[in-house]
Amino acid sequence: MRSHRRRRGARIRPYTFTGGRTRSRHPLMVQTLVSIADERAEPPRNLMPESERIYRLCAQVRSVAEISAELKMPLGVTQVLISDLADQGLVYIHPTITGHSPSENQVLERALRGLERLFQ
């Protein structure tokens, strides 16, 4: 049993990516859209690998949920890392419709845009 654990490699705890932080400084919902702030810029060399992966994914506008799923990273960790990138001016957090009861058309339009991005 012990040798099985060694073969799989050490698992890194998600909170190590965020320095133990569990909340983002920016209000990020699962449907919040994120993109890179400057399409011509390369990511800074000092980014953590996880943050660089998020940055590169944001070359196309993506939702926080899409980024989290693509990286197989917990949503809370993804939100903190996106918030850090926004604080550095590297990503742009698009305004999110936050009404308590969005119209059915708004929900359907957002779902359609998400599906279109998945199948492009």
PDB file of N, CA and C in Angstrom:
ATOM      1  N   MET A   1       0.820  -1.200   0.000  1.00  0.00           N
ATOM      2  CA  MET A   1       0.000   0.000   0.000  1.00  0.00           C
ATOM      3  C   MET A   1       0.866   1.267   0.000  1.00  0.00           C
ATOM      4  N   ARG A   2       1.929   1.232   0.771  1.00  0.00           N
ATOM      5  CA  ARG A   2       2.792   2.408   0.822  1.00  0.00           C
ATOM      6  C   ARG A   2       3.454   2.668  -0.525  1.00  0.00           C
ATOM      7  N   SER A   3       3.882   1.615  -1.197  1.00  0.00           N
ATOM      8  CA  SER A   3       4.535   1.811  -2.488  1.00  0.00           C
ATOM      9  C   SER A   3       3.566   2.406  -3.502  1.00  0.00           C
ATOM     10  N   HIS A   4       2.266   2.063  -3.384  1.00  0.00           N
ATOM     11  CA  HIS A   4       1.245   2.644  -4.270  1.00  0.00           C
ATOM     12  C   HIS A   4       1.191   4.163  -4.090  1.00  0.00           C
ATOM     13  N   ARG A   5       1.265   4.610  -2.868  1.00  0.00           N
ATOM     14  CA  ARG A   5       1.234   6.050  -2.596  1.00  0.00           C
ATOM     15  C   ARG A   5       2.457   6.746  -3.184  1.00  0.00           C
ATOM     16  N   ARG A   6       3.594   6.130  -3.068  1.00  0.00           N
ATOM     17  CA  ARG A   6       4.810   6.746  -3.583  1.00  0.00           C
ATOM     18  C   ARG A   6       4.770   6.881  -5.099  1.00  0.00           C
ATOM     19  N   ARG A   7       4.208   5.879  -5.773  1.00  0.00           N
ATOM     20  CA  ARG A   7       4.153   5.925  -7.229  1.00  0.00           C
ATOM     21  C   ARG A   7       3.251   7.045  -7.730  1.00  0.00           C
ATOM     22  N   ARG A   8       2.208   7.353  -7.006  1.00  0.00           N
ATOM     23  CA  ARG A   8       1.274   8.385  -7.457  1.00  0.00           C
ATOM     24  C   ARG A   8       1.861   9.779  -7.299  1.00  0.00           C
ATOM     25  N   GLY A   9       2.866   9.951  -6.495  1.00  0.00           N
ATOM     26  CA  GLY A   9       3.477  11.259  -6.312  1.00  0.00           C
ATOM     27  C   GLY A   9       2.817  12.016  -5.177  1.00  0.00           C
ATOM     28  N   ALA A  10       3.490  13.046  -4.737  1.00  0.00           N
ATOM     29  CA  ALA A  10       2.970  13.847  -3.641  1.00  0.00           C
ATOM     30  C   ALA A  10       1.846  14.749  -4.142  1.00  0.00           C
ATOM     31  N   ARG A  11       0.796  14.813  -3.374  1.00  0.00           N
ATOM     32  CA  ARG A  11      -0.331  15.667  -3.737  1.00  0.00           C
ATOM     33  C   ARG A  11      -0.132  17.031  -3.082  1.00  0.00           C
ATOM     34  N   ILE A  12      -0.295  18.076  -3.873  1.00  0.00           N
ATOM     35  CA  ILE A  12      -0.128  19.426  -3.346  1.00  0.00           C
ATOM     36  C   ILE A  12      -1.492  19.920  -2.873  1.00  0.00           C
ATOM     37  N   ARG A  13      -1.561  20.387  -1.670  1.00  0.00           N
ATOM     38  CA  ARG A  13      -2.813  20.900  -1.115  1.00  0.00           C
ATOM     39  C   ARG A  13      -3.187  22.197  -1.825  1.00  0.00           C
ATOM     40  N   PRO A  14      -4.459  22.351  -2.197  1.00  0.00           N
ATOM     41  CA  PRO A  14      -4.869  23.544  -2.957  1.00  0.00           C
ATOM     42  C   PRO A  14      -4.564  24.872  -2.255  1.00  0.00           C
ATOM     43  N   TYR A  15      -4.648  24.892  -0.913  1.00  0.00           N
ATOM     44  CA  TYR A  15      -4.432  26.170  -0.225  1.00  0.00           C
ATOM     45  C   TYR A  15      -2.995  26.663  -0.352  1.00  0.00           C
ATOM     46  N   THR A  16      -2.073  25.789  -0.741  1.00  0.00           N
ATOM     47  CA  THR A  16      -0.691  26.250  -0.920  1.00  0.00           C
ATOM     48  C   THR A  16      -0.574  27.200  -2.108  1.00  0.00           C
ATOM     49  N   PHE A  17      -1.458  27.059  -3.093  1.00  0.00           N
ATOM     50  CA  PHE A  17      -1.441  27.954  -4.253  1.00  0.00           C
ATOM     51  C   PHE A  17      -1.873  29.371  -3.876  1.00  0.00           C
ATOM     52  N   THR A  18      -2.668  29.482  -2.828  1.00  0.00           N
ATOM     53  CA  THR A  18      -3.234  30.784  -2.458  1.00  0.00           C
ATOM     54  C   THR A  18      -2.616  31.355  -1.190  1.00  0.00           C
ATOM     55  N   GLY A  19      -1.595  30.705  -0.669  1.00  0.00           N
ATOM     56  CA  GLY A  19      -0.991  31.171   0.572  1.00  0.00           C
ATOM     57  C   GLY A  19      -1.944  31.057   1.748  1.00  0.00           C
ATOM     58  N   GLY A  20      -2.862  30.101   1.674  1.00  0.00           N
ATOM     59  CA  GLY A  20      -3.824  29.896   2.752  1.00  0.00           C
ATOM     60  C   GLY A  20      -5.077  30.746   2.646  1.00  0.00           C
ATOM     61  N   ARG A  21      -5.113  31.666   1.679  1.00  0.00           N
ATOM     62  CA  ARG A  21      -6.302  32.513   1.525  1.00  0.00           C
ATOM     63  C   ARG A  21      -7.455  31.713   0.929  1.00  0.00           C
ATOM     64  N   THR A  22      -8.659  31.994   1.406  1.00  0.00           N
ATOM     65  CA  THR A  22      -9.830  31.272   0.918  1.00  0.00           C
ATOM     66  C   THR A  22     -10.837  32.175   0.219  1.00  0.00           C
ATOM     67  N   ARG A  23     -10.616  33.477   0.256  1.00  0.00           N
ATOM     68  CA  ARG A  23     -11.541  34.412  -0.383  1.00  0.00           C
ATOM     69  C   ARG A  23     -10.794  35.338  -1.339  1.00  0.00           C
ATOM     70  N   SER A  24     -11.457  35.616  -2.454  1.00  0.00           N
ATOM     71  CA  SER A  24     -10.861  36.534  -3.423  1.00  0.00           C
ATOM     72  C   SER A  24     -11.223  37.967  -3.057  1.00  0.00           C
ATOM     73  N   ARG A  25     -10.399  38.893  -3.479  1.00  0.00           N
ATOM     74  CA  ARG A  25     -10.673  40.316  -3.205  1.00  0.00           C
ATOM     75  C   ARG A  25     -11.738  40.876  -4.135  1.00  0.00           C
ATOM     76  N   HIS A  26     -11.966  40.207  -5.251  1.00  0.00           N
ATOM     77  CA  HIS A  26     -12.971  40.644  -6.218  1.00  0.00           C
ATOM     78  C   HIS A  26     -14.171  39.705  -6.138  1.00  0.00           C
ATOM     79  N   PRO A  27     -15.371  40.253  -6.294  1.00  0.00           N
ATOM     80  CA  PRO A  27     -16.553  39.372  -6.281  1.00  0.00           C
ATOM     81  C   PRO A  27     -16.612  38.557  -7.583  1.00  0.00           C
ATOM     82  N   LEU A  28     -16.309  37.287  -7.491  1.00  0.00           N
ATOM     83  CA  LEU A  28     -16.274  36.421  -8.667  1.00  0.00           C
ATOM     84  C   LEU A  28     -17.300  35.304  -8.506  1.00  0.00           C
ATOM     85  N   MET A  29     -18.288  35.313  -9.364  1.00  0.00           N
ATOM     86  CA  MET A  29     -19.276  34.246  -9.371  1.00  0.00           C
ATOM     87  C   MET A  29     -18.870  33.216 -10.422  1.00  0.00           C
ATOM     88  N   VAL A  30     -19.501  32.066 -10.396  1.00  0.00           N
ATOM     89  CA  VAL A  30     -19.117  31.017 -11.347  1.00  0.00           C
ATOM     90  C   VAL A  30     -19.308  31.470 -12.783  1.00  0.00           C
ATOM     91  N   GLN A  31     -20.292  32.329 -13.034  1.00  0.00           N
ATOM     92  CA  GLN A  31     -20.566  32.785 -14.406  1.00  0.00           C
ATOM     93  C   GLN A  31     -19.794  34.042 -14.786  1.00  0.00           C
ATOM     94  N   THR A  32     -19.014  34.605 -13.865  1.00  0.00           N
ATOM     95  CA  THR A  32     -18.233  35.803 -14.170  1.00  0.00           C
ATOM     96  C   THR A  32     -17.242  35.498 -15.285  1.00  0.00           C
ATOM     97  N   LEU A  33     -17.196  36.388 -16.273  1.00  0.00           N
ATOM     98  CA  LEU A  33     -16.291  36.211 -17.409  1.00  0.00           C
ATOM     99  C   LEU A  33     -14.974  36.929 -17.162  1.00  0.00           C
ATOM    100  N   VAL A  34     -13.891  36.308 -17.617  1.00  0.00           N
ATOM    101  CA  VAL A  34     -12.545  36.827 -17.400  1.00  0.00           C
ATOM    102  C   VAL A  34     -11.774  36.730 -18.721  1.00  0.00           C
ATOM    103  N   SER A  35     -10.953  37.741 -18.998  1.00  0.00           N
ATOM    104  CA  SER A  35     -10.088  37.707 -20.172  1.00  0.00           C
ATOM    105  C   SER A  35      -8.778  38.410 -19.825  1.00  0.00           C
ATOM    106  N   ILE A  36      -7.762  38.206 -20.675  1.00  0.00           N
ATOM    107  CA  ILE A  36      -6.512  38.910 -20.411  1.00  0.00           C
ATOM    108  C   ILE A  36      -6.705  40.389 -20.717  1.00  0.00           C
ATOM    109  N   ALA A  37      -6.020  41.222 -19.949  1.00  0.00           N
ATOM    110  CA  ALA A  37      -6.193  42.667 -20.069  1.00  0.00           C
ATOM    111  C   ALA A  37      -5.537  43.209 -21.333  1.00  0.00           C
ATOM    112  N   ASP A  38      -4.393  42.663 -21.708  1.00  0.00           N
ATOM    113  CA  ASP A  38      -3.662  43.127 -22.889  1.00  0.00           C
ATOM    114  C   ASP A  38      -3.347  41.908 -23.755  1.00  0.00           C
ATOM    115  N   GLU A  39      -4.044  41.786 -24.865  1.00  0.00           N
ATOM    116  CA  GLU A  39      -3.903  40.605 -25.720  1.00  0.00           C
ATOM    117  C   GLU A  39      -2.491  40.431 -26.286  1.00  0.00           C
ATOM    118  N   ARG A  40      -1.735  41.500 -26.353  1.00  0.00           N
ATOM    119  CA  ARG A  40      -0.385  41.415 -26.922  1.00  0.00           C
ATOM    120  C   ARG A  40       0.668  41.042 -25.896  1.00  0.00           C
ATOM    121  N   ALA A  41       0.329  41.111 -24.626  1.00  0.00           N
ATOM    122  CA  ALA A  41       1.319  40.887 -23.568  1.00  0.00           C
ATOM    123  C   ALA A  41       1.565  39.398 -23.316  1.00  0.00           C
ATOM    124  N   GLU A  42       2.786  39.079 -22.985  1.00  0.00           N
ATOM    125  CA  GLU A  42       3.155  37.744 -22.536  1.00  0.00           C
ATOM    126  C   GLU A  42       3.046  37.728 -21.014  1.00  0.00           C
ATOM    127  N   PRO A  43       2.799  36.571 -20.435  1.00  0.00           N
ATOM    128  CA  PRO A  43       2.711  36.535 -18.967  1.00  0.00           C
ATOM    129  C   PRO A  43       4.066  36.843 -18.337  1.00  0.00           C
ATOM    130  N   PRO A  44       4.068  37.532 -17.212  1.00  0.00           N
ATOM    131  CA  PRO A  44       5.335  37.798 -16.528  1.00  0.00           C
ATOM    132  C   PRO A  44       6.026  36.482 -16.161  1.00  0.00           C
ATOM    133  N   ARG A  45       7.336  36.515 -16.118  1.00  0.00           N
ATOM    134  CA  ARG A  45       8.109  35.302 -15.836  1.00  0.00           C
ATOM    135  C   ARG A  45       7.968  34.838 -14.391  1.00  0.00           C
ATOM    136  N   ASN A  46       7.543  35.723 -13.506  1.00  0.00           N
ATOM    137  CA  ASN A  46       7.499  35.372 -12.087  1.00  0.00           C
ATOM    138  C   ASN A  46       6.150  34.790 -11.641  1.00  0.00           C
ATOM    139  N   LEU A  47       5.246  34.485 -12.579  1.00  0.00           N
ATOM    140  CA  LEU A  47       3.961  33.899 -12.209  1.00  0.00           C
ATOM    141  C   LEU A  47       4.124  32.440 -11.792  1.00  0.00           C
ATOM    142  N   MET A  48       3.336  32.033 -10.808  1.00  0.00           N
ATOM    143  CA  MET A  48       3.281  30.611 -10.461  1.00  0.00           C
ATOM    144  C   MET A  48       2.728  29.864 -11.673  1.00  0.00           C
ATOM    145  N   PRO A  49       3.078  28.607 -11.836  1.00  0.00           N
ATOM    146  CA  PRO A  49       2.582  27.838 -12.989  1.00  0.00           C
ATOM    147  C   PRO A  49       1.052  27.823 -13.095  1.00  0.00           C
ATOM    148  N   GLU A  50       0.370  27.740 -11.971  1.00  0.00           N
ATOM    149  CA  GLU A  50      -1.096  27.715 -11.993  1.00  0.00           C
ATOM    150  C   GLU A  50      -1.651  29.049 -12.475  1.00  0.00           C
ATOM    151  N   SER A  51      -1.062  30.143 -12.023  1.00  0.00           N
ATOM    152  CA  SER A  51      -1.500  31.466 -12.456  1.00  0.00           C
ATOM    153  C   SER A  51      -1.203  31.681 -13.931  1.00  0.00           C
ATOM    154  N   GLU A  52      -0.073  31.173 -14.390  1.00  0.00           N
ATOM    155  CA  GLU A  52       0.248  31.293 -15.811  1.00  0.00           C
ATOM    156  C   GLU A  52      -0.749  30.504 -16.658  1.00  0.00           C
ATOM    157  N   ARG A  53      -1.157  29.335 -16.185  1.00  0.00           N
ATOM    158  CA  ARG A  53      -2.144  28.543 -16.927  1.00  0.00           C
ATOM    159  C   ARG A  53      -3.469  29.299 -17.010  1.00  0.00           C
ATOM    160  N   ILE A  54      -3.873  29.933 -15.910  1.00  0.00           N
ATOM    161  CA  ILE A  54      -5.105  30.732 -15.922  1.00  0.00           C
ATOM    162  C   ILE A  54      -4.960  31.874 -16.919  1.00  0.00           C
ATOM    163  N   TYR A  55      -3.827  32.564 -16.863  1.00  0.00           N
ATOM    164  CA  TYR A  55      -3.583  33.684 -17.769  1.00  0.00           C
ATOM    165  C   TYR A  55      -3.713  33.242 -19.223  1.00  0.00           C
ATOM    166  N   ARG A  56      -3.094  32.137 -19.558  1.00  0.00           N
ATOM    167  CA  ARG A  56      -3.135  31.649 -20.946  1.00  0.00           C
ATOM    168  C   ARG A  56      -4.545  31.220 -21.353  1.00  0.00           C
ATOM    169  N   LEU A  57      -5.297  30.626 -20.431  1.00  0.00           N
ATOM    170  CA  LEU A  57      -6.683  30.258 -20.737  1.00  0.00           C
ATOM    171  C   LEU A  57      -7.527  31.491 -21.028  1.00  0.00           C
ATOM    172  N   CYS A  58      -7.195  32.600 -20.377  1.00  0.00           N
ATOM    173  CA  CYS A  58      -7.976  33.827 -20.528  1.00  0.00           C
ATOM    174  C   CYS A  58      -7.677  34.566 -21.833  1.00  0.00           C
ATOM    175  N   ALA A  59      -6.861  33.985 -22.690  1.00  0.00           N
ATOM    176  CA  ALA A  59      -6.652  34.570 -24.024  1.00  0.00           C
ATOM    177  C   ALA A  59      -7.989  34.603 -24.762  1.00  0.00           C
ATOM    178  N   GLN A  60      -8.875  33.671 -24.409  1.00  0.00           N
ATOM    179  CA  GLN A  60     -10.265  33.700 -24.873  1.00  0.00           C
ATOM    180  C   GLN A  60     -11.109  33.990 -23.639  1.00  0.00           C
ATOM    181  N   VAL A  61     -12.161  34.748 -23.813  1.00  0.00           N
ATOM    182  CA  VAL A  61     -13.035  35.066 -22.683  1.00  0.00           C
ATOM    183  C   VAL A  61     -13.618  33.762 -22.151  1.00  0.00           C
ATOM    184  N   ARG A  62     -13.472  33.560 -20.849  1.00  0.00           N
ATOM    185  CA  ARG A  62     -13.969  32.341 -20.207  1.00  0.00           C
ATOM    186  C   ARG A  62     -14.616  32.682 -18.875  1.00  0.00           C
ATOM    187  N   SER A  63     -15.498  31.805 -18.440  1.00  0.00           N
ATOM    188  CA  SER A  63     -16.117  31.983 -17.126  1.00  0.00           C
ATOM    189  C   SER A  63     -15.193  31.399 -16.061  1.00  0.00           C
ATOM    190  N   VAL A  64     -15.398  31.845 -14.836  1.00  0.00           N
ATOM    191  CA  VAL A  64     -14.624  31.326 -13.710  1.00  0.00           C
ATOM    192  C   VAL A  64     -14.824  29.808 -13.611  1.00  0.00           C
ATOM    193  N   ALA A  65     -16.049  29.346 -13.821  1.00  0.00           N
ATOM    194  CA  ALA A  65     -16.337  27.906 -13.754  1.00  0.00           C
ATOM    195  C   ALA A  65     -15.573  27.142 -14.830  1.00  0.00           C
ATOM    196  N   GLU A  66     -15.504  27.679 -16.046  1.00  0.00           N
ATOM    197  CA  GLU A  66     -14.769  27.015 -17.129  1.00  0.00           C
ATOM    198  C   GLU A  66     -13.288  26.890 -16.785  1.00  0.00           C
ATOM    199  N   ILE A  67     -12.723  27.954 -16.242  1.00  0.00           N
ATOM    200  CA  ILE A  67     -11.304  27.955 -15.884  1.00  0.00           C
ATOM    201  C   ILE A  67     -11.043  26.913 -14.803  1.00  0.00           C
ATOM    202  N   SER A  68     -11.884  26.912 -13.786  1.00  0.00           N
ATOM    203  CA  SER A  68     -11.749  25.961 -12.689  1.00  0.00           C
ATOM    204  C   SER A  68     -11.840  24.527 -13.187  1.00  0.00           C
ATOM    205  N   ALA A  69     -12.804  24.253 -14.064  1.00  0.00           N
ATOM    206  CA  ALA A  69     -12.979  22.903 -14.595  1.00  0.00           C
ATOM    207  C   ALA A  69     -11.811  22.503 -15.487  1.00  0.00           C
ATOM    208  N   GLU A  70     -11.365  23.410 -16.328  1.00  0.00           N
ATOM    209  CA  GLU A  70     -10.256  23.117 -17.240  1.00  0.00           C
ATOM    210  C   GLU A  70      -8.987  22.753 -16.470  1.00  0.00           C
ATOM    211  N   LEU A  71      -8.746  23.449 -15.368  1.00  0.00           N
ATOM    212  CA  LEU A  71      -7.541  23.214 -14.575  1.00  0.00           C
ATOM    213  C   LEU A  71      -7.719  22.118 -13.532  1.00  0.00           C
ATOM    214  N   LYS A  72      -8.962  21.631 -13.391  1.00  0.00           N
ATOM    215  CA  LYS A  72      -9.273  20.631 -12.355  1.00  0.00           C
ATOM    216  C   LYS A  72      -8.828  21.146 -10.982  1.00  0.00           C
ATOM    217  N   MET A  73      -9.174  22.399 -10.732  1.00  0.00           N
ATOM    218  CA  MET A  73      -8.784  23.092  -9.519  1.00  0.00           C
ATOM    219  C   MET A  73     -10.057  23.509  -8.772  1.00  0.00           C
ATOM    220  N   PRO A  74     -10.059  23.455  -7.444  1.00  0.00           N
ATOM    221  CA  PRO A  74     -11.248  23.890  -6.708  1.00  0.00           C
ATOM    222  C   PRO A  74     -11.640  25.324  -7.067  1.00  0.00           C
ATOM    223  N   LEU A  75     -12.943  25.576  -7.093  1.00  0.00           N
ATOM    224  CA  LEU A  75     -13.461  26.885  -7.475  1.00  0.00           C
ATOM    225  C   LEU A  75     -12.884  28.003  -6.611  1.00  0.00           C
ATOM    226  N   GLY A  76     -12.825  27.802  -5.312  1.00  0.00           N
ATOM    227  CA  GLY A  76     -12.308  28.837  -4.411  1.00  0.00           C
ATOM    228  C   GLY A  76     -10.869  29.206  -4.702  1.00  0.00           C
ATOM    229  N   VAL A  77     -10.048  28.217  -5.001  1.00  0.00           N
ATOM    230  CA  VAL A  77      -8.642  28.460  -5.344  1.00  0.00           C
ATOM    231  C   VAL A  77      -8.559  29.242  -6.648  1.00  0.00           C
ATOM    232  N   THR A  78      -9.364  28.827  -7.626  1.00  0.00           N
ATOM    233  CA  THR A  78      -9.386  29.514  -8.917  1.00  0.00           C
ATOM    234  C   THR A  78      -9.781  30.978  -8.738  1.00  0.00           C
ATOM    235  N   GLN A  79     -10.787  31.238  -7.917  1.00  0.00           N
ATOM    236  CA  GLN A  79     -11.245  32.607  -7.681  1.00  0.00           C
ATOM    237  C   GLN A  79     -10.139  33.457  -7.062  1.00  0.00           C
ATOM    238  N   VAL A  80      -9.420  32.923  -6.099  1.00  0.00           N
ATOM    239  CA  VAL A  80      -8.336  33.678  -5.456  1.00  0.00           C
ATOM    240  C   VAL A  80      -7.229  33.989  -6.463  1.00  0.00           C
ATOM    241  N   LEU A  81      -6.851  33.005  -7.277  1.00  0.00           N
ATOM    242  CA  LEU A  81      -5.776  33.224  -8.250  1.00  0.00           C
ATOM    243  C   LEU A  81      -6.191  34.215  -9.335  1.00  0.00           C
ATOM    244  N   ILE A  82      -7.448  34.144  -9.785  1.00  0.00           N
ATOM    245  CA  ILE A  82      -7.935  35.119 -10.771  1.00  0.00           C
ATOM    246  C   ILE A  82      -7.921  36.516 -10.163  1.00  0.00           C
ATOM    247  N   SER A  83      -8.343  36.623  -8.922  1.00  0.00           N
ATOM    248  CA  SER A  83      -8.351  37.913  -8.236  1.00  0.00           C
ATOM    249  C   SER A  83      -6.940  38.488  -8.141  1.00  0.00           C
ATOM    250  N   ASP A  84      -5.974  37.629  -7.844  1.00  0.00           N
ATOM    251  CA  ASP A  84      -4.571  38.079  -7.784  1.00  0.00           C
ATOM    252  C   ASP A  84      -4.111  38.600  -9.148  1.00  0.00           C
ATOM    253  N   LEU A  85      -4.463  37.885 -10.217  1.00  0.00           N
ATOM    254  CA  LEU A  85      -4.094  38.329 -11.562  1.00  0.00           C
ATOM    255  C   LEU A  85      -4.754  39.661 -11.898  1.00  0.00           C
ATOM    256  N   ALA A  86      -5.991  39.851 -11.462  1.00  0.00           N
ATOM    257  CA  ALA A  86      -6.686  41.125 -11.698  1.00  0.00           C
ATOM    258  C   ALA A  86      -5.992  42.255 -10.935  1.00  0.00           C
ATOM    259  N   ASP A  87      -5.574  41.983  -9.705  1.00  0.00           N
ATOM    260  CA  ASP A  87      -4.859  42.998  -8.919  1.00  0.00           C
ATOM    261  C   ASP A  87      -3.553  43.422  -9.594  1.00  0.00           C
ATOM    262  N   GLN A  88      -2.940  42.509 -10.334  1.00  0.00           N
ATOM    263  CA  GLN A  88      -1.698  42.810 -11.051  1.00  0.00           C
ATOM    264  C   GLN A  88      -1.965  43.453 -12.414  1.00  0.00           C
ATOM    265  N   GLY A  89      -3.236  43.607 -12.759  1.00  0.00           N
ATOM    266  CA  GLY A  89      -3.594  44.207 -14.040  1.00  0.00           C
ATOM    267  C   GLY A  89      -3.414  43.271 -15.222  1.00  0.00           C
ATOM    268  N   LEU A  90      -3.339  41.973 -14.964  1.00  0.00           N
ATOM    269  CA  LEU A  90      -3.092  41.008 -16.028  1.00  0.00           C
ATOM    270  C   LEU A  90      -4.370  40.467 -16.659  1.00  0.00           C
ATOM    271  N   VAL A  91      -5.444  40.405 -15.885  1.00  0.00           N
ATOM    272  CA  VAL A  91      -6.720  39.942 -16.435  1.00  0.00           C
ATOM    273  C   VAL A  91      -7.799  40.973 -16.156  1.00  0.00           C
ATOM    274  N   TYR A  92      -8.806  40.940 -16.986  1.00  0.00           N
ATOM    275  CA  TYR A  92      -9.949  41.842 -16.851  1.00  0.00           C
ATOM    276  C   TYR A  92     -11.145  41.007 -16.417  1.00  0.00           C
ATOM    277  N   ILE A  93     -11.791  41.440 -15.353  1.00  0.00           N
ATOM    278  CA  ILE A  93     -12.995  40.782 -14.862  1.00  0.00           C
ATOM    279  C   ILE A  93     -14.182  41.542 -15.436  1.00  0.00           C
ATOM    280  N   HIS A  94     -14.928  40.888 -16.297  1.00  0.00           N
ATOM    281  CA  HIS A  94     -16.062  41.520 -16.953  1.00  0.00           C
ATOM    282  C   HIS A  94     -17.209  41.704 -15.958  1.00  0.00           C
ATOM    283  N   PRO A  95     -17.950  42.806 -16.079  1.00  0.00           N
ATOM    284  CA  PRO A  95     -19.107  42.998 -15.202  1.00  0.00           C
ATOM    285  C   PRO A  95     -20.088  41.841 -15.376  1.00  0.00           C
ATOM    286  N   THR A  96     -20.668  41.420 -14.272  1.00  0.00           N
ATOM    287  CA  THR A  96     -21.612  40.302 -14.284  1.00  0.00           C
ATOM    288  C   THR A  96     -23.002  40.807 -13.939  1.00  0.00           C
ATOM    289  N   ILE A  97     -23.980  40.297 -14.652  1.00  0.00           N
ATOM    290  CA  ILE A  97     -25.370  40.619 -14.327  1.00  0.00           C
ATOM    291  C   ILE A  97     -25.670  39.956 -12.998  1.00  0.00           C
ATOM    292  N   THR A  98     -26.039  40.758 -11.999  1.00  0.00           N
ATOM    293  CA  THR A  98     -26.212  40.210 -10.657  1.00  0.00           C
ATOM    294  C   THR A  98     -27.609  40.384 -10.105  1.00  0.00           C
ATOM    295  N   GLY A  99     -28.585  40.603 -10.949  1.00  0.00           N
ATOM    296  CA  GLY A  99     -29.955  40.723 -10.453  1.00  0.00           C
ATOM    297  C   GLY A  99     -30.389  39.454  -9.754  1.00  0.00           C
ATOM    298  N   HIS A 100     -31.276  39.582  -8.813  1.00  0.00           N
ATOM    299  CA  HIS A 100     -31.738  38.412  -8.073  1.00  0.00           C
ATOM    300  C   HIS A 100     -32.586  37.490  -8.938  1.00  0.00           C
ATOM    301  N   SER A 101     -33.200  38.036  -9.978  1.00  0.00           N
ATOM    302  CA  SER A 101     -34.024  37.196 -10.844  1.00  0.00           C
ATOM    303  C   SER A 101     -33.776  37.589 -12.302  1.00  0.00           C
ATOM    304  N   PRO A 102     -32.656  37.097 -12.868  1.00  0.00           N
ATOM    305  CA  PRO A 102     -32.387  37.443 -14.259  1.00  0.00           C
ATOM    306  C   PRO A 102     -33.496  36.894 -15.146  1.00  0.00           C
ATOM    307  N   SER A 103     -33.753  37.622 -16.213  1.00  0.00           N
ATOM    308  CA  SER A 103     -34.803  37.165 -17.113  1.00  0.00           C
ATOM    309  C   SER A 103     -34.412  35.842 -17.740  1.00  0.00           C
ATOM    310  N   GLU A 104     -35.403  35.104 -18.140  1.00  0.00           N
ATOM    311  CA  GLU A 104     -35.157  33.813 -18.769  1.00  0.00           C
ATOM    312  C   GLU A 104     -34.292  33.974 -20.015  1.00  0.00           C
ATOM    313  N   ASN A 105     -34.525  35.042 -20.769  1.00  0.00           N
ATOM    314  CA  ASN A 105     -33.729  35.284 -21.974  1.00  0.00           C
ATOM    315  C   ASN A 105     -32.256  35.507 -21.643  1.00  0.00           C
ATOM    316  N   GLN A 106     -31.966  36.249 -20.570  1.00  0.00           N
ATOM    317  CA  GLN A 106     -30.581  36.503 -20.182  1.00  0.00           C
ATOM    318  C   GLN A 106     -29.875  35.197 -19.833  1.00  0.00           C
ATOM    319  N   VAL A 107     -30.540  34.345 -19.088  1.00  0.00           N
ATOM    320  CA  VAL A 107     -29.948  33.072 -18.691  1.00  0.00           C
ATOM    321  C   VAL A 107     -29.693  32.215 -19.929  1.00  0.00           C
ATOM    322  N   LEU A 108     -30.672  32.165 -20.822  1.00  0.00           N
ATOM    323  CA  LEU A 108     -30.520  31.364 -22.036  1.00  0.00           C
ATOM    324  C   LEU A 108     -29.413  31.907 -22.934  1.00  0.00           C
ATOM    325  N   GLU A 109     -29.312  33.225 -23.043  1.00  0.00           N
ATOM    326  CA  GLU A 109     -28.258  33.823 -23.862  1.00  0.00           C
ATOM    327  C   GLU A 109     -26.880  33.512 -23.301  1.00  0.00           C
ATOM    328  N   ARG A 110     -26.705  33.597 -21.976  1.00  0.00           N
ATOM    329  CA  ARG A 110     -25.409  33.276 -21.367  1.00  0.00           C
ATOM    330  C   ARG A 110     -25.082  31.802 -21.571  1.00  0.00           C
ATOM    331  N   ALA A 111     -26.079  30.932 -21.422  1.00  0.00           N
ATOM    332  CA  ALA A 111     -25.850  29.502 -21.636  1.00  0.00           C
ATOM    333  C   ALA A 111     -25.447  29.237 -23.085  1.00  0.00           C
ATOM    334  N   LEU A 112     -26.118  29.902 -24.018  1.00  0.00           N
ATOM    335  CA  LEU A 112     -25.800  29.735 -25.434  1.00  0.00           C
ATOM    336  C   LEU A 112     -24.374  30.188 -25.734  1.00  0.00           C
ATOM    337  N   ARG A 113     -23.965  31.350 -25.194  1.00  0.00           N
ATOM    338  CA  ARG A 113     -22.595  31.843 -25.408  1.00  0.00           C
ATOM    339  C   ARG A 113     -21.567  30.852 -24.858  1.00  0.00           C
ATOM    340  N   GLY A 114     -21.863  30.295 -23.697  1.00  0.00           N
ATOM    341  CA  GLY A 114     -20.956  29.311 -23.106  1.00  0.00           C
ATOM    342  C   GLY A 114     -20.839  28.061 -23.959  1.00  0.00           C
ATOM    343  N   LEU A 115     -21.964  27.591 -24.473  1.00  0.00           N
ATOM    344  CA  LEU A 115     -21.944  26.411 -25.337  1.00  0.00           C
ATOM    345  C   LEU A 115     -21.212  26.695 -26.642  1.00  0.00           C
ATOM    346  N   GLU A 116     -21.429  27.882 -27.196  1.00  0.00           N
ATOM    347  CA  GLU A 116     -20.726  28.244 -28.435  1.00  0.00           C
ATOM    348  C   GLU A 116     -19.220  28.247 -28.225  1.00  0.00           C
ATOM    349  N   ARG A 117     -18.763  28.761 -27.064  1.00  0.00           N
ATOM    350  CA  ARG A 117     -17.323  28.776 -26.784  1.00  0.00           C
ATOM    351  C   ARG A 117     -16.781  27.352 -26.654  1.00  0.00           C
ATOM    352  N   LEU A 118     -17.576  26.456 -26.088  1.00  0.00           N
ATOM    353  CA  LEU A 118     -17.116  25.079 -25.922  1.00  0.00           C
ATOM    354  C   LEU A 118     -16.927  24.362 -27.246  1.00  0.00           C
ATOM    355  N   PHE A 119     -17.742  24.697 -28.236  1.00  0.00           N
ATOM    356  CA  PHE A 119     -17.729  23.965 -29.504  1.00  0.00           C
ATOM    357  C   PHE A 119     -17.076  24.740 -30.644  1.00  0.00           C
ATOM    358  N   GLN A 120     -16.320  25.760 -30.348  1.00  0.00           N
ATOM    359  CA  GLN A 120     -15.616  26.512 -31.398  1.00  0.00           C
ATOM    360  C   GLN A 120     -14.337  25.830 -31.758  1.00  0.00           C
TER     361      GLN A 120
END
